[in-house]
Protein backbone atom coordinates (compact mmCIF):
# COMPACT_ATOMS: atom_id res chain seq x y z
CA MET A 1 -12.49 39.09 -24.31
CA LYS A 2 -9.83 38.43 -26.94
CA LYS A 3 -11.21 36.54 -29.90
CA ASP A 4 -8.26 34.15 -29.98
CA TYR A 5 -8.10 33.49 -26.24
CA ASN A 6 -9.97 30.44 -24.93
CA LEU A 7 -10.77 31.10 -21.27
CA LEU A 8 -12.72 27.84 -20.97
CA LYS A 9 -9.63 25.86 -21.95
CA GLN A 10 -7.70 27.69 -19.25
CA PHE A 11 -10.52 26.83 -16.80
CA ILE A 12 -10.10 23.13 -17.65
CA TYR A 13 -6.37 23.24 -16.90
CA GLU A 14 -6.99 25.05 -13.59
CA ASN A 15 -9.66 22.63 -12.35
CA SER A 16 -8.66 19.29 -13.86
CA GLU A 17 -6.98 16.58 -11.79
CA LYS A 18 -6.55 13.85 -14.41
CA GLN A 19 -6.82 12.97 -18.08
CA TYR A 20 -9.71 10.67 -19.02
CA HIS A 21 -10.39 8.52 -22.07
CA GLU A 22 -13.15 9.62 -24.46
CA LYS A 23 -15.34 6.68 -23.38
CA THR A 24 -15.14 7.91 -19.79
CA VAL A 25 -16.02 11.46 -20.86
CA THR A 26 -19.11 10.15 -22.66
CA GLY A 27 -20.07 8.20 -19.53
CA LEU A 28 -19.69 11.32 -17.38
CA PHE A 29 -21.83 13.31 -19.85
CA ARG A 30 -24.62 10.76 -19.55
CA ALA A 31 -24.25 10.72 -15.75
CA ILE A 32 -24.71 14.48 -15.26
CA MET A 33 -27.83 14.42 -17.47
CA THR A 34 -29.45 11.49 -15.65
CA PRO A 35 -31.10 13.56 -12.84
CA VAL A 36 -32.81 15.76 -15.47
CA ILE A 37 -34.00 12.78 -17.53
CA GLN A 38 -35.31 10.94 -14.47
CA ASN A 39 -37.06 14.03 -13.03
CA GLN A 40 -38.84 15.52 -16.04
CA GLN A 41 -40.99 17.73 -13.83
CA MET A 42 -37.83 19.49 -12.67
CA GLN A 43 -37.38 22.83 -14.42
CA SER A 44 -33.89 22.87 -15.90
CA LEU A 45 -31.61 24.84 -18.19
CA ILE A 46 -28.89 23.06 -20.19
CA LEU A 47 -26.03 24.65 -22.15
CA LEU A 48 -24.10 22.43 -24.56
CA ARG A 49 -21.15 22.64 -26.91
CA LEU A 50 -20.48 19.29 -28.59
CA LYS A 51 -18.18 18.43 -31.49
CA ASP A 52 -20.21 15.29 -32.27
CA LEU A 53 -23.09 13.25 -30.82
CA LYS A 54 -21.23 9.92 -30.59
CA GLY A 55 -22.60 8.11 -27.53
CA LYS A 56 -24.76 11.13 -26.61
CA ASP A 57 -27.51 11.07 -29.25
CA SER A 58 -30.07 9.12 -27.19
CA VAL A 59 -29.50 11.37 -24.17
CA ILE A 60 -30.03 14.52 -26.28
CA LYS A 61 -33.29 13.14 -27.72
CA ARG A 62 -34.65 12.33 -24.25
CA LEU A 63 -33.70 15.79 -23.02
CA MET A 64 -35.50 17.44 -25.94
CA PHE A 65 -38.65 15.43 -25.27
CA SER A 66 -38.52 16.39 -21.58
CA GLY A 67 -39.27 20.05 -22.29
CA THR A 68 -35.95 21.18 -20.78
CA ASP A 69 -34.55 24.50 -22.03
CA ILE A 70 -31.52 23.55 -24.15
CA TYR A 71 -29.10 26.00 -25.74
CA SER A 72 -26.40 24.82 -28.13
CA TYR A 73 -23.06 26.48 -28.89
CA SER A 74 -22.36 24.36 -31.98
CA ASN A 75 -24.28 23.12 -35.01
CA VAL A 76 -24.32 19.39 -34.25
CA ILE A 77 -27.72 19.22 -32.49
CA GLU A 78 -30.42 19.20 -35.16
CA GLY A 79 -33.24 21.68 -34.54
CA ILE A 80 -31.33 23.87 -32.07
CA GLU A 81 -29.71 27.08 -33.27
CA ASN A 82 -26.04 27.80 -32.52
CA LYS A 83 -26.09 30.53 -29.86
CA SER A 84 -22.35 31.25 -29.80
CA LYS A 85 -21.29 34.76 -30.84
CA GLU A 86 -18.11 33.56 -32.49
CA GLU A 87 -15.89 30.50 -32.73
CA ILE A 88 -13.43 31.27 -29.95
CA TRP A 89 -13.37 27.87 -28.27
CA GLY A 90 -11.65 25.65 -30.83
CA ASN A 91 -12.16 22.02 -29.74
CA THR A 92 -13.33 22.81 -26.20
CA GLU A 93 -16.65 21.12 -25.36
CA PHE A 94 -18.96 21.58 -22.41
CA ALA A 95 -22.21 20.58 -20.76
CA VAL A 96 -23.82 22.73 -18.06
CA VAL A 97 -26.95 21.68 -16.14
CA LEU A 98 -28.83 24.18 -13.97
CA SER A 99 -31.93 23.51 -11.88
CA GLN A 100 -33.30 24.71 -8.55
CA ARG A 101 -31.51 22.08 -6.46
CA TYR A 102 -29.00 20.53 -8.84
CA SER A 103 -26.18 21.94 -10.92
CA ALA A 104 -23.33 20.29 -12.80
CA LEU A 105 -20.51 21.25 -15.16
CA LEU A 106 -18.48 19.03 -17.48
CA LEU A 107 -15.66 20.63 -19.52
CA TRP A 108 -13.24 18.78 -21.80
CA ASP A 109 -10.94 19.34 -24.77
CA TYR A 110 -9.02 16.51 -26.46
CA ASP A 111 -6.28 18.97 -27.43
CA THR A 112 -5.32 19.05 -23.72
CA GLY A 113 -4.51 15.31 -23.56
CA ASP A 114 -1.04 13.97 -24.23
CA ARG A 115 -2.43 10.74 -25.73
CA LYS A 116 -4.89 10.30 -28.58
CA GLY A 117 -8.46 10.08 -27.32
CA TYR A 118 -7.62 11.46 -23.86
CA SER A 119 -8.58 14.83 -22.37
CA GLU A 120 -8.08 16.87 -19.25
CA VAL A 121 -11.53 17.05 -17.64
CA CYS A 122 -13.19 19.51 -15.26
CA LEU A 123 -16.19 17.96 -13.47
CA LEU A 124 -18.12 19.89 -10.81
CA TYR A 125 -21.35 19.19 -8.96
CA ASN A 126 -23.19 21.84 -6.91
CA SER A 127 -20.13 24.07 -6.82
CA SER A 128 -19.81 27.85 -6.78
CA ARG A 129 -16.99 27.47 -9.34
CA ILE A 130 -19.64 26.63 -11.94
CA ASN A 131 -20.54 30.35 -11.90
CA GLU A 132 -17.08 31.24 -13.24
CA ALA A 133 -17.41 29.02 -16.31
CA LEU A 134 -21.05 30.04 -16.74
CA LYS A 135 -20.10 33.72 -16.97
CA ILE A 136 -17.58 32.96 -19.76
CA ILE A 137 -20.27 31.09 -21.71
CA ILE A 138 -22.98 33.72 -21.21
CA ASP A 139 -20.62 36.50 -22.29
CA ASN A 140 -20.31 34.74 -25.65
CA THR A 141 -23.93 34.01 -26.54
CA ASN A 142 -26.30 35.63 -29.01
CA ASP A 143 -29.17 35.59 -26.50
CA ASN A 144 -29.39 37.23 -23.10
CA LEU A 145 -29.20 34.05 -21.04
CA LYS A 146 -28.24 35.92 -17.90
CA GLU A 147 -31.92 36.63 -17.15
CA LYS A 148 -32.71 32.90 -17.43
CA THR A 149 -29.82 31.74 -15.27
CA VAL A 150 -30.75 34.00 -12.34
CA ASN A 151 -33.71 31.68 -11.75
CA TYR A 152 -31.30 28.95 -10.75
CA SER A 153 -29.36 29.30 -7.52
CA ILE A 154 -26.08 27.40 -7.79
CA ASP A 155 -25.12 26.05 -4.37
CA ARG A 156 -22.40 28.38 -3.06
CA ARG A 157 -21.23 25.79 -0.54
CA GLU A 158 -18.48 23.65 -2.02
CA ASN A 159 -19.74 20.06 -1.76
CA LYS A 160 -16.28 18.49 -1.47
CA LEU A 161 -17.54 15.05 -0.45
CA LEU A 162 -19.81 14.84 -3.47
CA ASN A 163 -17.17 16.05 -5.91
CA SER A 164 -14.59 13.72 -4.35
CA SER A 165 -16.96 10.77 -4.70
CA ILE A 166 -17.74 11.59 -8.32
CA GLY A 167 -14.00 11.90 -8.99
CA ALA A 168 -13.48 8.42 -7.54
CA ILE A 169 -16.23 7.03 -9.79
CA ALA A 170 -14.64 8.73 -12.80
CA GLN A 171 -11.32 7.08 -11.86
CA ILE A 172 -13.00 3.67 -11.72
CA LEU A 173 -14.65 4.29 -15.10
CA ASP A 174 -11.34 5.27 -16.63
CA GLU A 175 -9.51 2.26 -15.23
CA LEU A 176 -12.30 0.07 -16.59
CA ASN A 177 -11.75 1.62 -20.03
CA ASP A 178 -8.01 0.96 -19.75
CA GLU A 179 -8.70 -2.66 -18.89
CA GLN A 180 -11.16 -2.94 -21.79
CA MET A 181 -8.55 -1.67 -24.23
CA LYS A 182 -6.02 -4.15 -22.83
CA THR A 183 -8.56 -6.95 -23.17
CA GLU A 184 -9.22 -6.08 -26.81
CA ALA A 185 -5.47 -6.06 -27.51
CA GLU A 186 -5.02 -9.39 -25.74
CA LYS A 187 -7.89 -10.95 -27.72
CA PHE A 188 -6.20 -9.79 -30.92
CA ASN A 189 -2.90 -11.34 -29.84
CA LEU A 190 -4.65 -14.63 -29.05
CA GLU A 191 -6.24 -14.98 -32.50
CA GLY A 192 -5.11 -18.17 -34.14
CA LEU A 193 -3.81 -19.72 -30.92
CA GLY A 194 -5.26 -23.07 -30.03
CA ASP A 195 -3.54 -23.58 -26.71
CA GLU A 196 -6.34 -24.21 -24.20
CA THR A 197 -4.01 -23.47 -21.29
CA ILE A 198 -3.41 -19.93 -22.57
CA LYS A 199 -7.12 -19.38 -23.15
CA THR A 200 -7.96 -20.62 -19.66
CA ALA A 201 -5.34 -18.32 -18.14
CA LYS A 202 -6.86 -15.38 -20.00
CA ILE A 203 -10.34 -16.20 -18.71
CA VAL A 204 -9.02 -16.34 -15.13
CA GLU A 205 -7.23 -13.01 -15.67
CA GLU A 206 -10.40 -11.31 -16.97
CA LYS A 207 -12.39 -12.60 -13.99
CA ALA A 208 -9.71 -11.21 -11.67
CA LYS A 209 -9.95 -7.80 -13.35
CA PHE A 210 -13.75 -7.79 -13.08
CA THR A 211 -13.61 -8.79 -9.41
CA ALA A 212 -11.03 -6.09 -8.65
CA HIS A 213 -13.19 -3.39 -10.21
CA GLU A 214 -16.33 -4.51 -8.40
CA ILE A 215 -14.52 -4.56 -5.04
CA LYS A 216 -12.96 -1.14 -5.70
CA ASN A 217 -16.34 0.30 -6.62
CA ASN A 218 -17.86 -0.85 -3.34
CA LEU A 219 -14.81 0.30 -1.36
CA SER A 220 -15.28 3.83 -2.71
CA ILE A 221 -18.81 3.80 -1.29
CA VAL A 222 -17.57 2.42 2.04
CA ASN A 223 -14.88 5.12 2.31
CA LEU A 224 -17.31 7.90 1.38
CA TYR A 225 -19.90 6.92 3.99
CA THR A 226 -17.23 6.31 6.62
CA ARG A 227 -16.17 9.96 6.23
CA ILE A 228 -19.82 11.09 6.37
CA ILE A 229 -20.40 9.09 9.56
CA GLU A 230 -17.27 10.58 11.15
CA LYS A 231 -18.46 14.11 10.38
CA ARG A 232 -21.94 13.43 11.76
CA LEU A 233 -20.57 11.84 14.93
CA GLU A 234 -18.50 14.95 15.67
CA ARG A 235 -21.77 16.73 16.49
CA ILE A 236 -22.95 14.07 18.95
CA LYS A 237 -21.80 13.78 22.56
CA PHE A 238 -21.24 10.26 23.87
CA ASP A 239 -20.07 8.92 27.18
CA GLU A 240 -16.40 7.92 27.16
CA GLU A 241 -17.00 4.18 26.78
CA THR A 242 -19.38 4.59 23.82
CA GLU A 243 -17.09 7.11 22.13
CA ASN A 244 -14.09 4.76 22.42
CA SER A 245 -16.17 1.88 21.06
CA VAL A 246 -17.42 3.92 18.07
CA ASN A 247 -13.94 5.24 17.26
CA THR A 248 -12.51 1.72 17.41
CA ALA A 249 -15.23 0.43 15.08
CA ILE A 250 -14.59 3.21 12.54
CA GLY A 251 -10.85 2.61 12.78
CA ASN A 252 -11.37 -1.10 12.06
CA VAL A 253 -13.52 -0.31 9.02
CA LYS A 254 -10.79 2.03 7.71
CA LYS A 255 -8.10 -0.57 8.29
CA ALA A 256 -10.12 -3.27 6.54
CA SER A 257 -10.67 -0.91 3.61
CA GLU A 258 -6.92 -0.21 3.38
CA ASN A 259 -6.16 -3.93 3.42
CA MET A 260 -8.67 -4.54 0.64
CA SER A 261 -7.16 -1.70 -1.41
CA GLN A 262 -3.75 -3.36 -1.12
CA LEU A 263 -5.18 -6.71 -2.23
CA ILE A 264 -6.82 -5.01 -5.23
CA ASN A 265 -3.50 -3.45 -6.08
CA ASP A 266 -1.89 -6.91 -6.03
CA LEU A 267 -4.71 -8.26 -8.22
CA ARG A 268 -4.32 -5.48 -10.81
CA CYS A 269 -0.61 -6.25 -11.05
CA MET A 270 -1.42 -9.74 -12.34
CA SER A 271 -2.62 -8.45 -15.73
CA ALA A 272 -0.57 -9.16 -18.86
CA PRO A 273 1.91 -6.45 -19.91
CA ASN A 274 0.57 -3.74 -22.23
CA LEU A 275 3.42 -1.51 -23.38
CA ILE A 276 2.34 1.96 -24.51
CA GLU A 277 3.86 5.43 -24.46
CA THR A 278 3.39 6.51 -20.85
CA ASP A 279 3.79 9.86 -19.08
CA LEU A 280 5.84 8.73 -16.07
CA LYS A 281 5.29 11.95 -14.11
CA GLN A 282 1.51 11.50 -14.38
CA VAL A 283 1.72 7.84 -13.34
CA ILE A 284 3.86 8.64 -10.28
CA GLU A 285 1.61 11.52 -9.19
CA HIS A 286 -1.48 9.33 -9.58
CA SER A 287 0.18 6.61 -7.49
CA ILE A 288 1.03 9.14 -4.77
CA GLY A 289 -2.57 10.34 -4.80
CA MET A 290 -3.80 6.81 -4.14
CA CYS A 291 -1.53 6.58 -1.08
CA LYS A 292 -2.14 10.02 0.47
CA GLU A 293 -5.17 9.15 2.58
CA LYS A 294 -3.43 6.11 4.08
CA ALA A 295 -0.34 8.23 4.79
CA GLU A 296 -2.36 11.02 6.44
CA ASN A 297 -4.18 8.52 8.66
CA ALA A 298 -0.82 7.08 9.77
CA GLY A 299 0.81 10.50 10.28
CA ILE A 300 3.36 9.83 7.51
CA ILE A 301 4.51 12.63 5.19
CA ILE A 302 4.87 11.91 1.46
CA LYS A 303 7.30 14.31 -0.22
CA GLU A 304 7.69 14.71 -3.97
CA GLY A 305 11.22 15.47 -5.11
CA GLU A 306 12.22 16.25 -8.68
CA ILE A 307 9.91 14.37 -11.05
CA PRO A 308 10.51 15.65 -14.61
CA GLN A 309 8.27 15.02 -17.60
CA ILE A 310 9.52 11.68 -18.97
CA ASN A 311 7.78 9.56 -21.62
CA VAL A 312 8.59 5.85 -21.49
CA ASN A 313 7.34 2.79 -23.35
CA ALA A 314 5.94 0.83 -20.42
CA ASP A 315 2.91 -0.72 -18.75
CA LYS A 316 1.23 2.05 -16.75
CA THR A 317 -0.67 -0.33 -14.44
CA HIS A 318 2.44 -2.29 -13.47
CA ILE A 319 4.40 0.89 -12.66
CA GLU A 320 1.52 2.21 -10.53
CA CYS A 321 1.29 -1.11 -8.70
CA ALA A 322 5.03 -1.11 -7.96
CA VAL A 323 5.08 2.49 -6.71
CA THR A 324 1.97 2.14 -4.52
CA ASN A 325 3.18 -1.19 -3.14
CA ILE A 326 6.50 0.27 -1.99
CA ILE A 327 4.80 3.37 -0.53
CA PHE A 328 2.15 1.27 1.26
CA ASN A 329 4.86 -0.92 2.77
CA ALA A 330 6.83 2.14 3.90
CA ILE A 331 3.75 3.69 5.53
CA GLU A 332 3.05 0.49 7.46
CA ALA A 333 6.68 0.09 8.52
CA CYS A 334 7.35 3.70 9.58
CA LYS A 335 6.44 5.52 12.76
CA LYS A 336 4.30 8.66 12.92
CA GLY A 337 6.22 11.69 11.62
CA CYS A 338 8.44 9.75 9.22
CA GLU A 339 8.85 10.79 5.59
CA VAL A 340 8.52 8.92 2.31
CA ASN A 341 10.40 10.66 -0.53
CA ILE A 342 9.80 10.05 -4.23
CA SER A 343 11.78 11.34 -7.21
CA ALA A 344 12.62 10.26 -10.75
CA ARG A 345 15.09 10.91 -13.56
CA ALA A 346 15.64 9.85 -17.15
CA ASN A 347 18.13 7.02 -17.65
CA GLU A 348 19.55 5.60 -20.89
CA GLY A 349 16.33 5.63 -22.90
CA GLY A 350 14.23 4.79 -19.85
CA ALA A 351 13.90 6.11 -16.32
CA LYS A 352 14.54 5.41 -12.66
CA ILE A 353 12.08 6.03 -9.82
CA TYR A 354 13.59 6.50 -6.35
CA ILE A 355 11.44 5.80 -3.27
CA SER A 356 13.04 6.20 0.16
CA ASN A 357 11.91 6.51 3.76
CA ASN A 358 13.60 7.40 7.03
CA GLY A 359 11.90 4.70 9.09
CA GLU A 360 13.52 1.79 10.86
CA LYS A 361 16.11 -0.37 9.12
CA ILE A 362 14.79 -3.54 7.51
CA PRO A 363 16.33 -6.53 9.36
CA ASP A 364 18.94 -8.45 7.37
CA ASN A 365 16.94 -11.70 7.54
CA VAL A 366 13.93 -9.86 6.05
CA ILE A 367 15.93 -8.15 3.26
CA GLU A 368 16.78 -11.56 1.82
CA LYS A 369 13.10 -12.51 1.54
CA ILE A 370 11.09 -9.37 0.68
CA PHE A 371 10.78 -10.31 -3.01
CA ASN A 372 9.87 -13.93 -2.25
CA LEU A 373 6.37 -15.21 -2.93
CA ASP A 374 4.24 -15.68 0.23
CA PHE A 375 6.68 -13.77 2.45
CA THR A 376 5.11 -11.06 4.60
CA THR A 377 5.66 -9.43 7.98
CA LYS A 378 2.05 -8.13 8.14
CA GLU A 379 -0.76 -9.88 9.96
CA THR A 380 -3.11 -9.39 7.01
CA GLY A 381 -0.55 -9.34 4.18
CA SER A 382 -0.82 -11.62 1.14
CA GLY A 383 2.94 -11.93 0.65
CA ALA A 384 2.42 -11.46 -3.08
CA GLY A 385 2.76 -7.71 -3.64
CA LEU A 386 6.45 -7.11 -4.28
CA TYR A 387 6.90 -10.54 -5.85
CA ILE A 388 4.16 -9.90 -8.44
CA CYS A 389 5.33 -6.34 -9.13
CA ARG A 390 8.92 -7.42 -9.71
CA SER A 391 7.92 -10.42 -11.85
CA LYS A 392 5.69 -8.34 -14.12
CA LEU A 393 8.26 -5.57 -14.54
CA ARG A 394 11.02 -8.06 -15.33
CA ARG A 395 8.93 -9.53 -18.15
CA THR A 396 9.40 -6.23 -19.99
CA GLY A 397 13.05 -5.66 -19.03
CA SER A 398 12.31 -3.38 -16.07
CA ASP A 399 13.02 -4.16 -12.40
CA ILE A 400 12.68 -3.23 -8.70
CA GLU A 401 15.67 -3.29 -6.38
CA LEU A 402 16.24 -2.62 -2.71
CA ILE A 403 19.44 -0.56 -2.88
CA HIS A 404 20.06 -0.36 0.86
CA SER A 405 18.37 -0.20 4.25
CA THR A 406 20.26 1.57 7.04
CA LYS A 407 19.35 3.35 10.26
CA ARG A 408 19.09 6.58 8.25
CA GLU A 409 17.37 5.47 5.04
CA THR A 410 15.71 2.64 3.14
CA LEU A 411 15.90 3.11 -0.64
CA PHE A 412 14.06 1.26 -3.40
CA VAL A 413 14.70 1.95 -7.10
CA ILE A 414 12.32 1.04 -9.94
CA THR A 415 14.14 0.92 -13.28
CA ILE A 416 12.00 1.36 -16.40
CA LYS A 417 13.62 0.22 -19.67
């Protein structure tokens, strides 16, 4: 291996799906260690490379008292020798947990993030891909750890449901951190203000944020177990009437979950603006990711056009809300086989996001009302989505427009200034 070539950093880039804040990374570190701490009779091997012990100190102490085999690849853990052959990893950090029935890998490096305190993160549970990172680590240790690791059989079956669920939890954690940072900024801005109306509004807003997160957390569990139930039911033979009844019930649960997700999206859009430097490409791709499952269930194809790397000074949450709202509406309005196309381009110090679909034309009497409060064509719609999104964007000089709706195309444009 080349001394100056960090293969672990490359592994992070290849297996990461999102950048997370350092508070989220610390939370994930504690989470992957919890099974070992709670099951101290479980024979385990842990490999660590940490730049500091901030937020991790208590976990490390409990692990050391548990009798777990711990090997460090840095000098920050007192009483444990640095086992690394040479400093080839720069600022890359890792935590690997191996036991007979449980394995986990967490890799991060704050040099990979495009914002201070953020990092690309690779998180794997019971995955054969852990072996690839493990080999890189073992090849650069002063001890022969290979003999120790053979005692632990990493599950070669890719547990996609588990990893998907953990990814969803990580997303919730990260959004919670974002909201916390916004709250701290808002509290700072409110210092010295004596207006009780403003203070009351802020309290209501914080309660709305808390409620949204709690609902989203429970929805993730509902969606996970719905998929598990579907997979299990595929192995069972029912009579036609029972099968139809079960499929209808599962379909209703999915639909209710989608409706709740849309309501949460509307609720998140109500937060006060927080303008920061934002990677628009990342925001758009994250928004598309949130809509993919709904699109697949409806037989709608989401296509990404040209989306260049553009940094804008904007509120990330409000952009995400606007993009997902328009895509959700398109999915519900289009027939199976239709396409939703998304692209973006830089524009006079800001950017424009183009979202089009080839579904049916929006009726003229509806076009006039789609941005009105309480207007909806859906049976379960709140009639607040587009109104809230447009109002929040306009407060910072941005906007949403319906450019046209014809038999061939309906086009929305979000302008970020």
